[in-house]
Amino acid sequence: MAADTYSRLQALDKSLSDFKATDSASWATAKIFNALLEAFQREHSGDAIVQAIEPAREGGGHASSMNIGTMRAAIGQLLAVDADSSLI
């Protein structure tokens, strides 16, 4: 994964740490997550876990369909793949 994508995922995860896991992610935040997820899925097309992660959907108002806990769990999986590949 490009260093920029890795840094952005870390920054997003850190910014989400101030919220409760059950809070709904805003649609603006979800769009950032979706863009990073799309880039990561292109780079890791052979990884079944990465491909199983679905993007957030727009919910009602300014919210997304994904809560903070789910988004952070997905980010953790993406960062773990990059950590594993750097050990090779």
Protein backbone atom coordinates (compact mmCIF):
# COMPACT_ATOMS: atom_id res chain seq x y z
CA MET A 1 0.00 0.00 0.00
CA ALA A 2 1.26 3.44 -0.76
CA ALA A 3 2.61 5.30 2.26
CA ASP A 4 0.06 8.05 1.67
CA THR A 5 -2.87 5.60 1.90
CA TYR A 6 -1.40 4.04 5.04
CA SER A 7 -0.94 7.46 6.66
CA ARG A 8 -4.46 8.49 5.73
CA LEU A 9 -5.94 5.29 7.17
CA GLN A 10 -4.01 5.84 10.41
CA ALA A 11 -5.18 9.46 10.58
CA LEU A 12 -8.80 8.45 9.99
CA ASP A 13 -8.59 5.75 12.67
CA LYS A 14 -7.09 8.22 15.14
CA SER A 15 -9.78 10.82 14.46
CA LEU A 16 -12.50 8.21 14.98
CA SER A 17 -11.09 7.20 18.38
CA ASP A 18 -12.87 10.12 20.07
CA PHE A 19 -16.30 8.71 19.19
CA LYS A 20 -18.28 5.85 20.71
CA ALA A 21 -18.22 2.63 18.72
CA THR A 22 -22.00 2.75 18.44
CA ASP A 23 -22.08 6.28 16.99
CA SER A 24 -23.06 6.49 13.35
CA ALA A 25 -20.27 7.69 11.09
CA SER A 26 -21.10 10.87 9.23
CA TRP A 27 -21.57 10.61 5.49
CA ALA A 28 -18.61 12.96 4.96
CA THR A 29 -16.37 10.64 6.98
CA ALA A 30 -17.80 7.57 5.24
CA LYS A 31 -16.90 9.02 1.82
CA ILE A 32 -13.27 9.33 2.97
CA PHE A 33 -13.36 5.73 4.21
CA ASN A 34 -14.92 4.56 0.95
CA ALA A 35 -12.23 6.25 -1.17
CA LEU A 36 -9.44 4.70 0.90
CA LEU A 37 -11.16 1.31 0.82
CA GLU A 38 -11.53 1.44 -2.95
CA ALA A 39 -7.84 2.23 -3.42
CA PHE A 40 -6.84 -0.51 -1.02
CA GLN A 41 -9.07 -3.10 -2.68
CA ARG A 42 -7.46 -2.33 -6.05
CA GLU A 43 -3.99 -2.83 -4.54
CA HIS A 44 -4.95 -6.08 -2.76
CA SER A 45 -7.34 -7.72 -5.20
CA GLY A 46 -6.28 -11.22 -4.11
CA ASP A 47 -7.00 -10.77 -0.41
CA ALA A 48 -10.38 -12.28 0.48
CA ILE A 49 -10.75 -10.29 3.72
CA VAL A 50 -10.03 -6.99 2.01
CA GLN A 51 -12.50 -7.80 -0.75
CA ALA A 52 -15.19 -8.75 1.82
CA ILE A 53 -15.18 -5.27 3.37
CA GLU A 54 -18.12 -3.34 2.00
CA PRO A 55 -18.19 0.43 1.59
CA ALA A 56 -20.41 2.53 3.79
CA ARG A 57 -23.72 3.62 2.30
CA GLU A 58 -25.46 6.94 2.69
CA GLY A 59 -27.98 6.85 5.52
CA GLY A 60 -30.56 9.35 6.62
CA GLY A 61 -29.62 12.98 7.03
CA HIS A 62 -25.87 13.44 7.26
CA ALA A 63 -25.25 9.92 8.58
CA SER A 64 -23.91 6.82 6.90
CA SER A 65 -25.01 3.21 7.21
CA MET A 66 -21.85 2.34 9.14
CA ASN A 67 -21.14 2.91 12.80
CA ILE A 68 -17.76 4.01 14.12
CA GLY A 69 -16.92 0.62 15.61
CA THR A 70 -17.46 -1.17 12.30
CA MET A 71 -15.45 1.42 10.42
CA ARG A 72 -12.54 1.17 12.87
CA ALA A 73 -12.61 -2.64 12.71
CA ALA A 74 -12.40 -2.47 8.91
CA ILE A 75 -9.56 0.05 9.07
CA GLY A 76 -7.74 -2.25 11.49
CA GLN A 77 -8.00 -5.11 9.01
CA LEU A 78 -6.64 -2.92 6.19
CA LEU A 79 -3.71 -1.74 8.30
CA ALA A 80 -2.99 -5.35 9.34
CA VAL A 81 -2.68 -6.44 5.71
CA ASP A 82 -0.14 -3.71 5.06
CA ALA A 83 1.80 -4.64 8.21
CA ASP A 84 1.91 -8.28 7.08
CA SER A 85 3.11 -7.37 3.58
CA SER A 86 5.92 -5.20 4.94
CA LEU A 87 7.33 -8.22 6.79
CA ILE A 88 7.91 -10.12 3.54
